[in-house]
């Protein structure tokens, strides 16, 4: 690029550098803002996914109890009877282990006793669906049941928990979506304002004397001259005052 003066070349050179630096800063701010928004969105999706897993888990627990109603009631009754007879917790644990070794199918369902919470964990499977010929056993899941409730009541309890989780999931999704939209609007507004400020900051003001030949002297005086006779006439008539030399 060719310029009439060295000053014009310098002005173009440094203004381009400032413009590039400003654009890089703006892009960096935009990237950072987008990363924050993406993190908010990802956190929202992870939270909803976790709640959905909780809902699916509750449904599965309820269905497994329903698939094994008689066995669940039998296991609950066996533990209740033992406790009603005054058997200590330690003795009950030992009895369950002995019955398992003896091949008692009901004792075999009991995985763990949580007597401090009046609950037990049972090993239940979906034995109602048809199995493949290669499968010898159904997959087993651990299901916690309340000793104070029947098998039907335990299933209903899991379904009630599932409804609460679904309500929580819907409420969380609505709240997160609202929060994300607010954050997105705020971010885009800030970026727009910063972009406007950046655009304004590197637009240099052109002074009236720049249409003439000019420089600032070492004594800090403005020295100007016309580029032709017409400009010299303009300087004298329009710009000079009595104190000017």
Protein backbone atom coordinates (compact mmCIF):
# COMPACT_ATOMS: atom_id res chain seq x y z
CA UNK A 1 0.00 0.00 0.00
CA UNK A 2 1.25 3.47 -0.85
CA UNK A 3 0.59 6.61 1.23
CA UNK A 4 1.15 10.28 0.60
CA UNK A 5 3.00 10.75 3.91
CA UNK A 6 4.90 8.67 6.43
CA UNK A 7 2.40 9.82 9.12
CA UNK A 8 -0.48 8.36 7.09
CA UNK A 9 1.37 5.06 6.75
CA UNK A 10 2.03 4.91 10.50
CA UNK A 11 -1.57 5.80 11.25
CA UNK A 12 -2.82 2.98 8.99
CA UNK A 13 -0.29 0.50 10.40
CA UNK A 14 -1.01 1.08 14.09
CA UNK A 15 -4.76 1.44 13.64
CA UNK A 16 -4.78 -1.99 11.95
CA UNK A 17 -2.83 -3.48 14.87
CA UNK A 18 -5.24 -1.93 17.38
CA UNK A 19 -8.19 -3.16 15.35
CA UNK A 20 -6.81 -6.72 15.23
CA UNK A 21 -6.06 -6.69 18.96
CA UNK A 22 -9.57 -5.46 19.68
CA UNK A 23 -11.09 -8.18 17.47
CA UNK A 24 -9.00 -10.88 19.19
CA UNK A 25 -10.10 -9.64 22.62
CA UNK A 26 -13.71 -9.62 21.47
CA UNK A 27 -13.45 -13.17 20.12
CA UNK A 28 -11.82 -14.31 23.36
CA UNK A 29 -14.67 -12.80 25.38
CA UNK A 30 -17.25 -14.40 23.08
CA UNK A 31 -15.57 -17.81 23.35
CA UNK A 32 -15.43 -17.52 27.15
CA UNK A 33 -19.09 -16.49 27.32
CA UNK A 34 -20.15 -19.38 25.06
CA UNK A 35 -18.17 -21.84 27.20
CA UNK A 36 -20.00 -20.62 30.30
CA UNK A 37 -23.38 -20.97 28.56
CA UNK A 38 -22.48 -24.46 27.34
CA UNK A 39 -21.48 -25.43 30.88
CA UNK A 40 -24.83 -24.21 32.21
CA UNK A 41 -26.63 -26.19 29.49
CA UNK A 42 -24.53 -29.33 30.17
CA UNK A 43 -25.16 -29.09 33.92
CA UNK A 44 -28.88 -28.78 33.19
CA UNK A 45 -28.88 -31.83 30.92
CA UNK A 46 -26.89 -33.89 33.45
CA UNK A 47 -29.30 -32.97 36.24
CA UNK A 48 -32.35 -33.91 34.15
CA UNK A 49 -30.65 -37.16 33.09
CA UNK A 50 -29.95 -38.02 36.75
CA UNK A 51 -33.58 -37.36 37.69
CA UNK A 52 -34.79 -39.51 34.78
CA UNK A 53 -32.57 -42.36 35.99
CA UNK A 54 -34.11 -42.02 39.45
CA UNK A 55 -37.61 -42.22 37.93
CA UNK A 56 -36.68 -45.30 35.88
CA UNK A 57 -35.15 -46.91 38.97
CA UNK A 58 -38.31 -46.38 41.02
CA UNK A 59 -40.47 -47.89 38.27
CA UNK A 60 -38.17 -50.90 38.02
CA UNK A 61 -38.23 -51.46 41.81
CA UNK A 62 -42.04 -51.32 41.88
CA UNK A 63 -42.37 -53.71 38.94
CA UNK A 64 -39.92 -56.23 40.43
CA UNK A 65 -41.96 -56.31 43.63
CA UNK A 66 -45.13 -56.84 41.58
CA UNK A 67 -43.47 -59.69 39.66
CA UNK A 68 -42.63 -61.42 42.98
CA UNK A 69 -45.56 -60.51 45.26
CA UNK A 70 -45.84 -63.87 47.04
CA UNK A 71 -42.10 -64.22 47.62
CA UNK A 72 -41.78 -60.62 48.88
CA UNK A 73 -44.68 -61.11 51.32
CA UNK A 74 -43.14 -64.42 52.49
CA UNK A 75 -39.74 -62.80 53.13
CA UNK A 76 -41.32 -59.86 55.00
CA UNK A 77 -43.45 -62.25 57.08
CA UNK A 78 -40.46 -64.48 57.96
CA UNK A 79 -38.48 -61.53 59.33
CA UNK A 80 -41.52 -60.09 61.13
CA UNK A 81 -42.25 -63.44 62.86
CA UNK A 82 -38.63 -63.81 63.98
CA UNK A 83 -38.62 -60.30 65.45
CA UNK A 84 -42.03 -60.81 67.07
CA UNK A 85 -40.63 -63.87 68.85
CA UNK A 86 -37.97 -61.65 70.41
CA UNK A 87 -35.04 -62.87 68.32
CA UNK A 88 -32.06 -60.52 68.50
CA UNK A 89 -30.80 -58.84 65.36
CA UNK A 90 -27.52 -60.78 65.42
CA UNK A 91 -29.36 -64.10 65.83
CA UNK A 92 -31.68 -63.17 62.96
CA UNK A 93 -28.70 -62.47 60.69
CA UNK A 94 -27.18 -65.84 61.61
CA UNK A 95 -30.51 -67.61 61.01
CA UNK A 96 -30.84 -66.09 57.53
CA UNK A 97 -27.32 -67.28 56.64
CA UNK A 98 -28.05 -70.79 57.90
CA UNK A 99 -31.32 -70.98 55.99
CA UNK A 100 -29.56 -69.84 52.83
CA UNK A 101 -26.99 -72.62 53.20
CA UNK A 102 -29.82 -75.06 53.77
CA UNK A 103 -31.35 -74.03 50.45
CA UNK A 104 -34.37 -72.14 51.77
CA UNK A 105 -35.59 -70.17 48.69
CA UNK A 106 -37.15 -67.36 50.75
CA UNK A 107 -33.96 -66.88 52.79
CA UNK A 108 -32.08 -66.88 49.47
CA UNK A 109 -34.00 -63.75 48.46
CA UNK A 110 -32.75 -61.77 51.47
CA UNK A 111 -29.59 -59.85 50.61
CA UNK A 112 -29.25 -57.60 53.65
CA UNK A 113 -31.13 -56.61 56.80
CA UNK A 114 -31.52 -52.92 57.65
CA UNK A 115 -33.39 -53.43 60.92
CA UNK A 116 -32.37 -50.01 62.26
CA UNK A 117 -34.55 -48.60 59.42
CA UNK A 118 -37.08 -51.46 59.57
CA UNK A 119 -36.17 -52.43 56.00
CA UNK A 120 -34.62 -55.37 54.16
CA UNK A 121 -32.99 -55.65 50.73
CA UNK A 122 -34.25 -58.48 48.54
CA UNK A 123 -32.72 -60.05 45.43
CA UNK A 124 -35.52 -60.01 42.85
CA UNK A 125 -35.71 -60.79 39.15
CA UNK A 126 -38.26 -60.48 36.37
CA UNK A 127 -39.24 -64.12 36.12
CA UNK A 128 -42.44 -63.39 34.18
CA UNK A 129 -40.77 -62.60 30.84
CA UNK A 130 -39.65 -65.46 28.65
CA UNK A 131 -35.93 -66.18 28.82
CA UNK A 132 -33.71 -67.11 25.90
CA UNK A 133 -32.72 -70.73 25.71
CA UNK A 134 -29.08 -69.80 26.43
CA UNK A 135 -30.07 -67.99 29.63
CA UNK A 136 -30.26 -70.18 32.70
CA UNK A 137 -31.09 -67.42 35.19
CA UNK A 138 -32.75 -64.02 35.10
CA UNK A 139 -30.72 -60.91 36.00
CA UNK A 140 -31.16 -60.06 39.68
CA UNK A 141 -31.64 -56.59 41.18
CA UNK A 142 -31.47 -55.43 44.78
CA UNK A 143 -34.82 -54.02 45.94
CA UNK A 144 -35.38 -52.41 49.33
CA UNK A 145 -38.73 -53.07 51.02
CA UNK A 146 -40.32 -51.74 54.20
CA UNK A 147 -41.08 -54.43 56.80
CA UNK A 148 -44.10 -52.45 58.01
CA UNK A 149 -45.78 -52.71 54.57
CA UNK A 150 -47.12 -55.54 52.47
CA UNK A 151 -45.66 -56.34 49.05
CA UNK A 152 -48.48 -54.41 47.33
CA UNK A 153 -47.98 -51.43 49.65
CA UNK A 154 -44.23 -51.46 49.00
CA UNK A 155 -44.85 -51.40 45.24
CA UNK A 156 -47.25 -48.46 45.67
CA UNK A 157 -44.62 -46.69 47.78
CA UNK A 158 -42.11 -46.93 44.91
CA UNK A 159 -44.73 -45.66 42.45
CA UNK A 160 -45.48 -42.68 44.73
CA UNK A 161 -41.76 -41.91 44.90
CA UNK A 162 -41.65 -42.08 41.11
CA UNK A 163 -44.45 -39.46 40.86
CA UNK A 164 -42.55 -37.13 43.21
CA UNK A 165 -39.40 -37.58 41.14
CA UNK A 166 -41.28 -36.84 37.90
CA UNK A 167 -42.70 -33.64 39.43
CA UNK A 168 -39.22 -32.66 40.61
CA UNK A 169 -37.83 -33.42 37.15
CA UNK A 170 -40.43 -31.23 35.44
CA UNK A 171 -39.93 -28.41 37.95
CA UNK A 172 -36.14 -28.61 37.61
CA UNK A 173 -36.34 -28.59 33.81
CA UNK A 174 -38.58 -25.50 33.81
CA UNK A 175 -36.38 -23.65 36.31
CA UNK A 176 -33.15 -24.53 34.47
CA UNK A 177 -34.60 -23.53 31.10
CA UNK A 178 -35.68 -20.17 32.53
CA UNK A 179 -32.27 -19.63 34.15
CA UNK A 180 -30.47 -20.57 30.93
CA UNK A 181 -32.52 -18.16 28.81
CA UNK A 182 -31.85 -15.36 31.32
CA UNK A 183 -28.11 -16.13 31.32
CA UNK A 184 -28.05 -16.30 27.51
CA UNK A 185 -29.87 -12.95 27.17
CA UNK A 186 -27.55 -11.29 29.69
CA UNK A 187 -24.43 -12.70 28.01
CA UNK A 188 -25.47 -11.61 24.52
CA UNK A 189 -26.34 -8.12 25.80
CA UNK A 190 -22.93 -7.78 27.48
CA UNK A 191 -21.14 -8.98 24.35
CA UNK A 192 -23.09 -6.53 22.20
CA UNK A 193 -22.22 -3.64 24.55
CA UNK A 194 -18.53 -4.61 24.65
CA UNK A 195 -18.46 -4.91 20.87
CA UNK A 196 -19.96 -1.42 20.52
CA UNK A 197 -17.42 0.06 22.97
CA UNK A 198 -14.57 -1.69 21.15
CA UNK A 199 -15.79 -0.37 17.80
CA UNK A 200 -16.02 3.15 19.16
CA UNK A 201 -12.65 3.07 20.95
CA UNK A 202 -10.55 2.49 17.85
CA UNK A 203 -12.30 5.07 15.67
CA UNK A 204 -9.78 7.95 15.92
CA UNK A 205 -11.14 11.48 15.87
CA UNK A 206 -9.98 13.48 12.85
CA UNK A 207 -9.03 17.03 13.88
CA UNK A 208 -9.82 20.10 11.78
CA UNK A 209 -6.15 20.89 11.07
CA UNK A 210 -5.41 17.49 9.54
CA UNK A 211 -6.70 18.67 6.17
CA UNK A 212 -3.59 20.91 6.04
CA UNK A 213 0.13 20.29 6.37
CA UNK A 214 0.73 20.21 10.13
CA UNK A 215 2.94 19.14 13.02
CA UNK A 216 3.38 19.82 16.75
CA UNK A 217 6.60 21.70 17.56
CA UNK A 218 8.99 20.82 20.42
CA UNK A 219 7.51 23.79 22.29
CA UNK A 220 4.06 22.19 21.86
CA UNK A 221 2.80 24.68 19.25
CA UNK A 222 0.55 23.60 16.40
CA UNK A 223 2.22 24.50 13.11
CA UNK A 224 0.05 24.44 9.97
CA UNK A 225 0.34 25.48 6.34
CA UNK A 226 -1.90 25.19 3.36
CA UNK A 227 -1.31 22.56 0.73
CA UNK A 228 -2.05 25.29 -1.84
CA UNK A 229 -2.83 29.02 -2.01
CA UNK A 230 -6.56 28.44 -1.52
CA UNK A 231 -5.93 26.54 1.76
CA UNK A 232 -3.60 29.33 2.93
CA UNK A 233 -6.41 31.85 2.37
CA UNK A 234 -8.79 29.54 4.33
CA UNK A 235 -6.36 29.30 7.27
CA UNK A 236 -6.03 33.08 7.53
CA UNK A 237 -9.72 33.87 7.14
CA UNK A 238 -11.34 30.99 9.02
CA UNK A 239 -8.91 29.68 11.64
CA UNK A 240 -6.39 32.37 12.62
CA UNK A 241 -7.07 34.50 15.65
CA UNK A 242 -5.29 37.66 16.83
CA UNK A 243 -2.97 35.69 19.13
CA UNK A 244 -1.85 33.32 16.36
CA UNK A 245 1.42 33.83 14.56
